[in-house]
Amino acid sequence: MSARCQVTGRTVGFGNAVSHSHRRTRRRWSPNIQTKTYYLPSQGRRVTLRVSAKGIKVIDRDGIEAVVARLRREGADI
């Protein structure tokens, strides 16, 4: 499975690791992906989402119902 947040769309970032001698080697920054289960009261069931830490904050701010409605409008299968 890819390291991608279902809510915010955050993916892996790439760049250079720069040592003390200033040598550069390629590296990657992985997003903080968590598997979270949320309860949808309107449907009486649970949904499992792969979300980043920022995605969890978005769900806390907007509410799980609004986030799932937005994901469905964008064509996600939830």
N, C-alpha and C. Protein backbone atom coordinates (compact mmCIF):
# COMPACT_ATOMS: atom_id res chain seq x y z
N MET A 1 0.82 -1.17 0.00
CA MET A 1 0.00 0.00 0.00
C MET A 1 0.88 1.25 0.00
N SER A 2 0.44 2.27 -0.71
CA SER A 2 1.24 3.47 -0.80
C SER A 2 1.09 4.31 0.46
N ALA A 3 2.11 5.10 0.73
CA ALA A 3 2.08 6.00 1.88
C ALA A 3 1.39 7.29 1.45
N ARG A 4 0.03 7.26 1.45
CA ARG A 4 -0.74 8.40 1.00
C ARG A 4 -1.93 8.58 1.92
N CYS A 5 -2.14 9.82 2.35
CA CYS A 5 -3.27 10.14 3.22
C CYS A 5 -4.54 10.25 2.38
N GLN A 6 -5.62 9.61 2.82
CA GLN A 6 -6.87 9.66 2.09
C GLN A 6 -7.58 11.00 2.23
N VAL A 7 -7.28 11.74 3.28
CA VAL A 7 -7.96 13.01 3.53
C VAL A 7 -7.22 14.17 2.90
N THR A 8 -5.93 14.31 3.17
CA THR A 8 -5.17 15.46 2.68
C THR A 8 -4.40 15.17 1.41
N GLY A 9 -4.17 13.90 1.09
CA GLY A 9 -3.42 13.57 -0.11
C GLY A 9 -1.92 13.65 0.06
N ARG A 10 -1.45 13.78 1.27
CA ARG A 10 -0.01 13.87 1.50
C ARG A 10 0.68 12.58 1.08
N THR A 11 1.81 12.73 0.38
CA THR A 11 2.58 11.58 -0.07
C THR A 11 4.02 11.74 0.37
N VAL A 12 4.85 10.80 -0.04
CA VAL A 12 6.26 10.81 0.31
C VAL A 12 6.94 12.00 -0.37
N GLY A 13 7.84 12.65 0.37
CA GLY A 13 8.65 13.74 -0.19
C GLY A 13 10.07 13.25 -0.41
N PHE A 14 10.73 13.79 -1.43
CA PHE A 14 12.10 13.39 -1.75
C PHE A 14 13.01 14.60 -1.67
N GLY A 15 14.28 14.32 -1.38
CA GLY A 15 15.26 15.40 -1.31
C GLY A 15 16.63 14.83 -1.05
N ASN A 16 17.50 15.67 -0.51
CA ASN A 16 18.88 15.29 -0.24
C ASN A 16 19.15 15.31 1.25
N ALA A 17 19.91 14.30 1.70
CA ALA A 17 20.47 14.34 3.04
C ALA A 17 21.85 14.96 2.90
N VAL A 18 22.13 16.02 3.64
CA VAL A 18 23.38 16.73 3.51
C VAL A 18 24.20 16.47 4.77
N SER A 19 25.37 15.84 4.59
CA SER A 19 26.22 15.51 5.72
C SER A 19 27.03 16.74 6.16
N HIS A 20 27.81 16.55 7.22
CA HIS A 20 28.65 17.64 7.72
C HIS A 20 29.68 18.07 6.67
N SER A 21 30.18 17.13 5.89
CA SER A 21 31.15 17.47 4.84
C SER A 21 30.45 17.97 3.57
N HIS A 22 29.14 18.09 3.63
CA HIS A 22 28.30 18.62 2.56
C HIS A 22 28.11 17.66 1.40
N ARG A 23 28.37 16.38 1.62
CA ARG A 23 28.02 15.37 0.61
C ARG A 23 26.52 15.21 0.59
N ARG A 24 25.96 15.01 -0.58
CA ARG A 24 24.51 14.89 -0.71
C ARG A 24 24.14 13.50 -1.19
N THR A 25 23.23 12.87 -0.45
CA THR A 25 22.68 11.58 -0.86
C THR A 25 21.17 11.70 -0.83
N ARG A 26 20.51 10.95 -1.70
CA ARG A 26 19.06 11.03 -1.80
C ARG A 26 18.40 10.39 -0.58
N ARG A 27 17.30 10.98 -0.15
CA ARG A 27 16.53 10.45 0.96
C ARG A 27 15.07 10.74 0.73
N ARG A 28 14.23 10.20 1.60
CA ARG A 28 12.79 10.42 1.48
C ARG A 28 12.19 10.74 2.84
N TRP A 29 11.15 11.53 2.82
CA TRP A 29 10.40 11.86 4.02
C TRP A 29 9.04 11.18 3.90
N SER A 30 8.78 10.25 4.79
CA SER A 30 7.50 9.54 4.77
C SER A 30 6.49 10.28 5.63
N PRO A 31 5.24 10.41 5.16
CA PRO A 31 4.23 11.04 6.00
C PRO A 31 3.85 10.12 7.16
N ASN A 32 3.35 10.71 8.22
CA ASN A 32 2.97 9.97 9.41
C ASN A 32 1.58 9.37 9.20
N ILE A 33 1.54 8.22 8.51
CA ILE A 33 0.27 7.58 8.16
C ILE A 33 -0.20 6.67 9.30
N GLN A 34 -1.45 6.86 9.69
CA GLN A 34 -2.07 6.05 10.73
C GLN A 34 -3.33 5.39 10.15
N THR A 35 -3.64 4.21 10.60
CA THR A 35 -4.91 3.57 10.25
C THR A 35 -5.89 3.83 11.38
N LYS A 36 -6.93 4.60 11.08
CA LYS A 36 -7.89 4.99 12.10
C LYS A 36 -9.28 4.51 11.70
N THR A 37 -10.06 4.08 12.69
CA THR A 37 -11.44 3.67 12.47
C THR A 37 -12.36 4.70 13.10
N TYR A 38 -13.29 5.21 12.31
CA TYR A 38 -14.24 6.22 12.77
C TYR A 38 -15.65 5.66 12.65
N TYR A 39 -16.53 6.09 13.53
CA TYR A 39 -17.92 5.67 13.51
C TYR A 39 -18.75 6.74 12.81
N LEU A 40 -19.54 6.32 11.82
CA LEU A 40 -20.45 7.22 11.12
C LEU A 40 -21.86 7.04 11.68
N PRO A 41 -22.33 7.96 12.50
CA PRO A 41 -23.66 7.80 13.10
C PRO A 41 -24.78 7.81 12.07
N SER A 42 -24.63 8.56 10.98
CA SER A 42 -25.71 8.65 9.99
C SER A 42 -25.94 7.32 9.28
N GLN A 43 -24.89 6.49 9.15
CA GLN A 43 -25.02 5.21 8.49
C GLN A 43 -24.99 4.04 9.47
N GLY A 44 -24.67 4.31 10.71
CA GLY A 44 -24.63 3.27 11.73
C GLY A 44 -23.53 2.24 11.50
N ARG A 45 -22.41 2.67 10.92
CA ARG A 45 -21.30 1.74 10.67
C ARG A 45 -19.97 2.46 10.86
N ARG A 46 -18.92 1.67 10.83
CA ARG A 46 -17.57 2.20 10.98
C ARG A 46 -16.89 2.28 9.62
N VAL A 47 -15.98 3.24 9.49
CA VAL A 47 -15.13 3.33 8.30
C VAL A 47 -13.69 3.36 8.76
N THR A 48 -12.82 2.69 8.03
CA THR A 48 -11.40 2.68 8.32
C THR A 48 -10.69 3.51 7.28
N LEU A 49 -9.93 4.49 7.74
CA LEU A 49 -9.21 5.40 6.84
C LEU A 49 -7.72 5.34 7.13
N ARG A 50 -6.91 5.53 6.08
CA ARG A 50 -5.47 5.70 6.23
C ARG A 50 -5.20 7.20 6.16
N VAL A 51 -4.93 7.80 7.31
CA VAL A 51 -4.81 9.26 7.38
C VAL A 51 -3.49 9.64 8.02
N SER A 52 -3.00 10.82 7.64
CA SER A 52 -1.80 11.37 8.25
C SER A 52 -2.20 12.09 9.54
N ALA A 53 -1.20 12.54 10.29
CA ALA A 53 -1.48 13.27 11.52
C ALA A 53 -2.25 14.55 11.20
N LYS A 54 -1.92 15.20 10.10
CA LYS A 54 -2.64 16.39 9.67
C LYS A 54 -4.08 16.04 9.28
N GLY A 55 -4.28 14.87 8.66
CA GLY A 55 -5.62 14.42 8.31
C GLY A 55 -6.49 14.18 9.53
N ILE A 56 -5.89 13.67 10.60
CA ILE A 56 -6.63 13.48 11.85
C ILE A 56 -7.09 14.82 12.41
N LYS A 57 -6.23 15.84 12.31
CA LYS A 57 -6.60 17.18 12.77
C LYS A 57 -7.73 17.76 11.92
N VAL A 58 -7.71 17.49 10.61
CA VAL A 58 -8.78 17.97 9.73
C VAL A 58 -10.10 17.31 10.11
N ILE A 59 -10.08 16.01 10.40
CA ILE A 59 -11.30 15.31 10.81
C ILE A 59 -11.80 15.84 12.14
N ASP A 60 -10.89 16.12 13.07
CA ASP A 60 -11.30 16.69 14.36
C ASP A 60 -11.93 18.07 14.17
N ARG A 61 -11.41 18.85 13.22
CA ARG A 61 -11.89 20.20 13.00
C ARG A 61 -13.24 20.21 12.27
N ASP A 62 -13.34 19.44 11.17
CA ASP A 62 -14.53 19.50 10.31
C ASP A 62 -15.59 18.47 10.67
N GLY A 63 -15.20 17.37 11.30
CA GLY A 63 -16.13 16.30 11.62
C GLY A 63 -16.04 15.19 10.58
N ILE A 64 -16.24 13.96 11.03
CA ILE A 64 -16.08 12.80 10.15
C ILE A 64 -17.15 12.78 9.07
N GLU A 65 -18.37 13.22 9.38
CA GLU A 65 -19.44 13.22 8.38
C GLU A 65 -19.09 14.13 7.20
N ALA A 66 -18.59 15.33 7.48
CA ALA A 66 -18.24 16.28 6.42
C ALA A 66 -17.07 15.78 5.59
N VAL A 67 -16.09 15.16 6.25
CA VAL A 67 -14.91 14.67 5.54
C VAL A 67 -15.29 13.50 4.63
N VAL A 68 -16.11 12.58 5.12
CA VAL A 68 -16.53 11.44 4.30
C VAL A 68 -17.39 11.91 3.13
N ALA A 69 -18.24 12.91 3.36
CA ALA A 69 -19.06 13.44 2.26
C ALA A 69 -18.16 14.06 1.18
N ARG A 70 -17.12 14.78 1.59
CA ARG A 70 -16.20 15.39 0.62
C ARG A 70 -15.43 14.33 -0.15
N LEU A 71 -15.00 13.26 0.55
CA LEU A 71 -14.27 12.19 -0.11
C LEU A 71 -15.16 11.48 -1.14
N ARG A 72 -16.41 11.29 -0.81
CA ARG A 72 -17.33 10.64 -1.75
C ARG A 72 -17.60 11.51 -2.96
N ARG A 73 -17.70 12.84 -2.77
CA ARG A 73 -17.87 13.76 -3.91
C ARG A 73 -16.66 13.68 -4.85
N GLU A 74 -15.47 13.46 -4.26
CA GLU A 74 -14.26 13.38 -5.08
C GLU A 74 -14.08 12.01 -5.72
N GLY A 75 -14.96 11.07 -5.40
CA GLY A 75 -14.93 9.78 -6.06
C GLY A 75 -14.25 8.66 -5.29
N ALA A 76 -13.95 8.87 -4.02
CA ALA A 76 -13.32 7.82 -3.21
C ALA A 76 -14.36 6.77 -2.83
N ASP A 77 -13.93 5.53 -2.75
CA ASP A 77 -14.83 4.43 -2.40
C ASP A 77 -14.72 4.17 -0.91
N ILE A 78 -15.68 4.72 -0.15
CA ILE A 78 -15.65 4.58 1.32
C ILE A 78 -16.96 3.99 1.79
